[in-house]
Protein backbone atom coordinates (compact mmCIF):
# COMPACT_ATOMS: atom_id res chain seq x y z
CA UNK A 1 0.00 0.00 0.00
CA UNK A 2 2.74 2.45 0.91
CA UNK A 3 4.67 1.63 -2.25
CA UNK A 4 1.57 2.17 -4.38
CA UNK A 5 0.92 5.50 -2.68
CA UNK A 6 4.54 6.53 -3.19
CA UNK A 7 4.36 5.63 -6.89
CA UNK A 8 1.01 7.36 -7.35
CA UNK A 9 2.28 10.53 -5.68
CA UNK A 10 5.36 10.74 -7.87
CA UNK A 11 3.41 10.02 -11.04
CA UNK A 12 0.89 12.72 -10.15
CA UNK A 13 3.62 15.31 -9.59
CA UNK A 14 5.36 14.26 -12.80
CA UNK A 15 2.14 14.52 -14.78
CA UNK A 16 1.49 17.95 -13.34
CA UNK A 17 4.93 19.15 -14.42
CA UNK A 18 4.51 17.68 -17.90
CA UNK A 19 1.10 19.30 -18.45
CA UNK A 20 2.55 22.70 -17.52
CA UNK A 21 4.90 22.56 -20.51
CA UNK A 22 4.36 23.53 -24.14
CA UNK A 23 1.97 21.19 -26.02
CA UNK A 24 4.84 19.92 -28.18
CA UNK A 25 6.74 18.87 -25.07
CA UNK A 26 3.61 17.25 -23.64
CA UNK A 27 3.21 15.17 -26.81
CA UNK A 28 6.87 14.15 -26.76
CA UNK A 29 6.66 13.26 -23.08
CA UNK A 30 3.56 11.13 -23.63
CA UNK A 31 5.47 9.05 -26.18
CA UNK A 32 7.81 7.84 -23.44
CA UNK A 33 5.04 5.94 -21.61
CA UNK A 34 5.64 2.62 -23.44
CA UNK A 35 9.33 2.75 -22.47
CA UNK A 36 8.43 3.48 -18.85
CA UNK A 37 6.14 0.44 -18.81
CA UNK A 38 8.56 -1.89 -20.60
CA UNK A 39 11.78 -1.06 -18.73
CA UNK A 40 11.00 -2.82 -15.40
CA UNK A 41 10.45 -6.07 -17.29
CA UNK A 42 13.62 -5.92 -19.36
CA UNK A 43 15.94 -7.72 -16.92
CA UNK A 44 13.88 -10.88 -17.42
CA UNK A 45 14.01 -10.88 -21.22
CA UNK A 46 17.25 -9.23 -22.33
CA UNK A 47 20.89 -8.93 -21.30
CA UNK A 48 20.78 -5.22 -22.17
CA UNK A 49 18.23 -3.69 -19.80
CA UNK A 50 20.70 -0.81 -19.45
CA UNK A 51 19.98 0.10 -23.06
CA UNK A 52 16.28 0.39 -22.30
CA UNK A 53 17.14 2.42 -19.20
CA UNK A 54 19.14 4.74 -21.45
CA UNK A 55 16.24 5.08 -23.89
CA UNK A 56 13.84 5.87 -21.05
CA UNK A 57 16.03 7.96 -18.76
CA UNK A 58 17.37 10.22 -21.50
CA UNK A 59 13.96 10.93 -23.03
CA UNK A 60 14.14 14.09 -20.96
CA UNK A 61 16.53 15.48 -23.58
CA UNK A 62 13.70 15.44 -26.12
CA UNK A 63 11.15 16.82 -23.69
CA UNK A 64 13.44 19.60 -22.48
CA UNK A 65 14.37 20.72 -25.99
CA UNK A 66 10.74 20.69 -27.13
CA UNK A 67 9.75 22.64 -24.03
CA UNK A 68 12.28 25.41 -24.68
CA UNK A 69 12.07 25.74 -28.48
CA UNK A 70 8.63 24.20 -29.17
CA UNK A 71 10.13 21.93 -31.80
CA UNK A 72 12.91 19.35 -32.15
CA UNK A 73 15.99 20.02 -34.24
CA UNK A 74 17.02 16.42 -34.89
CA UNK A 75 20.61 17.11 -36.06
CA UNK A 76 21.22 18.59 -32.59
CA UNK A 77 18.93 16.47 -30.42
CA UNK A 78 19.42 12.99 -31.93
CA UNK A 79 23.20 12.74 -31.25
CA UNK A 80 22.70 14.31 -27.80
CA UNK A 81 20.04 11.71 -26.98
CA UNK A 82 22.25 8.92 -28.31
CA UNK A 83 25.18 10.24 -26.24
CA UNK A 84 23.01 10.01 -23.14
CA UNK A 85 22.15 6.40 -23.94
CA UNK A 86 25.81 5.52 -24.46
CA UNK A 87 26.77 7.20 -21.19
CA UNK A 88 24.00 5.29 -19.39
CA UNK A 89 25.36 2.02 -20.78
CA UNK A 90 28.73 2.92 -19.28
CA UNK A 91 27.81 3.90 -15.74
CA UNK A 92 24.90 1.51 -15.28
CA UNK A 93 26.90 -1.47 -16.53
CA UNK A 94 29.52 -0.74 -13.89
CA UNK A 95 26.73 -0.33 -11.36
CA UNK A 96 25.29 -3.70 -12.41
CA UNK A 97 28.60 -5.39 -11.57
CA UNK A 98 27.65 -4.87 -7.92
CA UNK A 99 24.59 -7.10 -8.37
CA UNK A 100 25.86 -9.73 -10.79
CA UNK A 101 25.95 -12.52 -8.18
CA UNK A 102 22.42 -11.75 -7.03
CA UNK A 103 21.24 -11.39 -10.64
CA UNK A 104 22.67 -14.80 -11.51
CA UNK A 105 20.94 -16.44 -8.54
CA UNK A 106 17.66 -14.70 -9.36
CA UNK A 107 17.87 -15.68 -13.02
CA UNK A 108 17.73 -12.11 -14.31
CA UNK A 109 20.01 -10.50 -16.88
CA UNK A 110 22.23 -7.43 -17.18
CA UNK A 111 24.89 -5.94 -19.43
CA UNK A 112 27.45 -6.73 -16.71
CA UNK A 113 26.75 -10.44 -17.19
CA UNK A 114 26.76 -10.06 -20.97
CA UNK A 115 30.02 -8.12 -21.29
CA UNK A 116 31.88 -9.84 -18.48
CA UNK A 117 35.01 -8.43 -16.91
CA UNK A 118 36.41 -6.72 -20.01
CA UNK A 119 36.59 -2.94 -19.77
CA UNK A 120 37.05 -2.47 -23.51
CA UNK A 121 33.31 -2.16 -24.24
CA UNK A 122 33.01 0.32 -21.39
CA UNK A 123 35.82 2.46 -22.77
CA UNK A 124 34.05 2.19 -26.12
CA UNK A 125 30.86 3.61 -24.60
CA UNK A 126 32.90 6.48 -23.18
CA UNK A 127 34.51 7.26 -26.54
CA UNK A 128 31.16 6.99 -28.34
CA UNK A 129 29.57 9.37 -25.85
CA UNK A 130 32.29 11.95 -26.48
CA UNK A 131 31.99 11.61 -30.25
CA UNK A 132 28.21 11.99 -30.20
CA UNK A 133 28.41 15.03 -27.93
CA UNK A 134 30.82 16.62 -30.40
CA UNK A 135 28.44 15.97 -33.30
CA UNK A 136 25.61 17.57 -31.37
CA UNK A 137 27.77 20.56 -30.41
CA UNK A 138 28.84 21.14 -34.01
CA UNK A 139 25.22 20.87 -35.20
CA UNK A 140 24.25 23.46 -32.59
CA UNK A 141 27.15 25.71 -33.68
CA UNK A 142 28.47 25.86 -30.12
CA UNK A 143 31.78 27.60 -29.49
CA UNK A 144 34.74 25.22 -30.07
CA UNK A 145 35.69 25.49 -26.39
CA UNK A 146 33.10 22.74 -25.81
CA UNK A 147 35.32 20.06 -27.35
CA UNK A 148 38.44 20.29 -25.12
CA UNK A 149 36.23 20.41 -22.03
CA UNK A 150 34.29 17.37 -23.21
CA UNK A 151 37.44 15.43 -24.09
CA UNK A 152 39.06 16.28 -20.76
CA UNK A 153 35.95 15.07 -18.97
CA UNK A 154 36.04 11.86 -20.98
CA UNK A 155 39.67 11.29 -20.00
CA UNK A 156 38.71 11.78 -16.35
CA UNK A 157 36.03 9.11 -16.76
CA UNK A 158 38.47 6.75 -18.52
CA UNK A 159 40.98 7.15 -15.70
CA UNK A 160 38.29 6.48 -13.10
CA UNK A 161 37.25 3.37 -15.03
CA UNK A 162 40.83 2.09 -15.17
CA UNK A 163 41.02 2.43 -11.40
CA UNK A 164 37.76 0.53 -10.87
CA UNK A 165 37.76 -3.10 -9.73
CA UNK A 166 34.70 -4.66 -11.35
CA UNK A 167 34.74 -7.42 -8.72
CA UNK A 168 34.51 -4.94 -5.86
CA UNK A 169 31.05 -3.46 -5.16
CA UNK A 170 32.52 -0.46 -3.25
CA UNK A 171 34.85 0.28 -6.17
CA UNK A 172 31.97 0.05 -8.65
CA UNK A 173 29.87 2.32 -6.46
CA UNK A 174 32.70 4.85 -6.33
CA UNK A 175 32.87 4.96 -10.13
CA UNK A 176 29.10 5.27 -10.38
CA UNK A 177 29.10 8.26 -8.03
CA UNK A 178 32.01 9.87 -9.87
CA UNK A 179 29.79 10.20 -12.93
CA UNK A 180 28.02 13.14 -11.31
CA UNK A 181 31.20 15.19 -11.84
CA UNK A 182 31.34 14.09 -15.47
CA UNK A 183 27.74 15.13 -16.02
CA UNK A 184 28.33 18.46 -14.28
CA UNK A 185 31.36 19.17 -16.46
CA UNK A 186 29.39 18.49 -19.65
CA UNK A 187 26.60 20.80 -18.52
CA UNK A 188 29.20 23.45 -17.71
CA UNK A 189 30.78 22.95 -21.17
CA UNK A 190 27.40 23.50 -22.83
CA UNK A 191 26.75 26.69 -20.86
CA UNK A 192 30.24 28.09 -21.44
CA UNK A 193 30.22 27.26 -25.16
CA UNK A 194 26.71 28.66 -25.54
CA UNK A 195 27.66 31.88 -23.74
CA UNK A 196 30.76 32.38 -25.92
CA UNK A 197 28.68 31.67 -29.02
CA UNK A 198 26.26 34.42 -27.98
CA UNK A 199 29.14 36.84 -27.38
CA UNK A 200 30.55 36.14 -30.84
CA UNK A 201 27.14 36.64 -32.42
CA UNK A 202 26.73 39.99 -30.65
CA UNK A 203 30.18 41.13 -31.82
CA UNK A 204 29.42 40.10 -35.41
CA UNK A 205 26.13 42.00 -35.32
CA UNK A 206 27.89 45.10 -33.99
CA UNK A 207 30.52 44.86 -36.75
CA UNK A 208 27.84 44.47 -39.41
CA UNK A 209 26.00 47.49 -38.06
CA UNK A 210 29.23 49.49 -38.03
CA UNK A 211 29.94 48.49 -41.66
CA UNK A 212 26.53 49.84 -42.67
CA UNK A 213 27.34 53.29 -41.22
CA UNK A 214 29.31 55.78 -43.38
CA UNK A 215 32.97 55.97 -42.46
CA UNK A 216 34.13 59.31 -40.93
CA UNK A 217 36.80 59.87 -43.57
CA UNK A 218 34.40 59.19 -46.40
CA UNK A 219 31.79 61.50 -44.86
CA UNK A 220 34.37 64.32 -44.51
CA UNK A 221 35.54 63.99 -48.10
CA UNK A 222 31.96 63.87 -49.35
CA UNK A 223 31.04 67.00 -47.38
CA UNK A 224 34.08 68.92 -48.66
CA UNK A 225 33.31 67.89 -52.23
CA UNK A 226 29.71 69.01 -51.80
CA UNK A 227 30.78 72.35 -50.31
CA UNK A 228 33.14 73.00 -53.26
CA UNK A 229 30.33 72.31 -55.73
CA UNK A 230 27.99 74.65 -53.85
CA UNK A 231 30.58 77.45 -53.90
CA UNK A 232 31.18 76.91 -57.62
CA UNK A 233 27.46 77.09 -58.31
CA UNK A 234 27.19 80.31 -56.29
CA UNK A 235 30.07 81.87 -58.26
CA UNK A 236 28.44 80.93 -61.56
CA UNK A 237 25.13 82.44 -60.50
CA UNK A 238 26.74 85.69 -59.33
CA UNK A 239 28.90 85.91 -62.41
CA UNK A 240 32.15 85.55 -60.61
CA UNK A 241 32.99 82.45 -62.57
CA UNK A 242 32.30 81.77 -66.23
CA UNK A 243 32.05 78.11 -67.28
């Protein structure tokens, strides 16, 4: 009873938040319902429930973008969404290594059981995440500063992964928690790159406006030329000058 009440309360609050958004975002959010229903059952039917978690958990990328811009720019959003899925596969696979003994006894599946003790696939997820983030950043015309920050963050995650013992639940938990710093650094990279992009756009607009204004030297020459012509015309009219 308490669990049902807890679930109902959270779903009510979530629905209230969703309905307060733009209709496009509401429609996008509603499309995630099948994933929300399917995900809890995935561990019994597939060794990649983490992939379904990634599909479900990162749906917020689509909802957030649609809420802000009232549309979805797929060249920007699709690689960002895919990057989120790849990142989820990384951190939640490491997390699943904590439960692999219990999962085996319970007869349920996980990517930790599928991929085993090799870290190569995990490093691959990290590299894929970085590549997809770069594609999204380029599509969004973010300032290039995004890329070194993203790559540095990826190297931090790779180092943390190398120091993780997949047979040690505390070590796996430590890596899982370290991902909050990775996520924070990517958010910071987006804000910094977006801010610098806006600054560059403002400077370009100011330069364009300045180019449209007459230059001081040209204005002076034009005025002097006009004054000479006026004087010449006055002299002709008064008879001082004969053409």
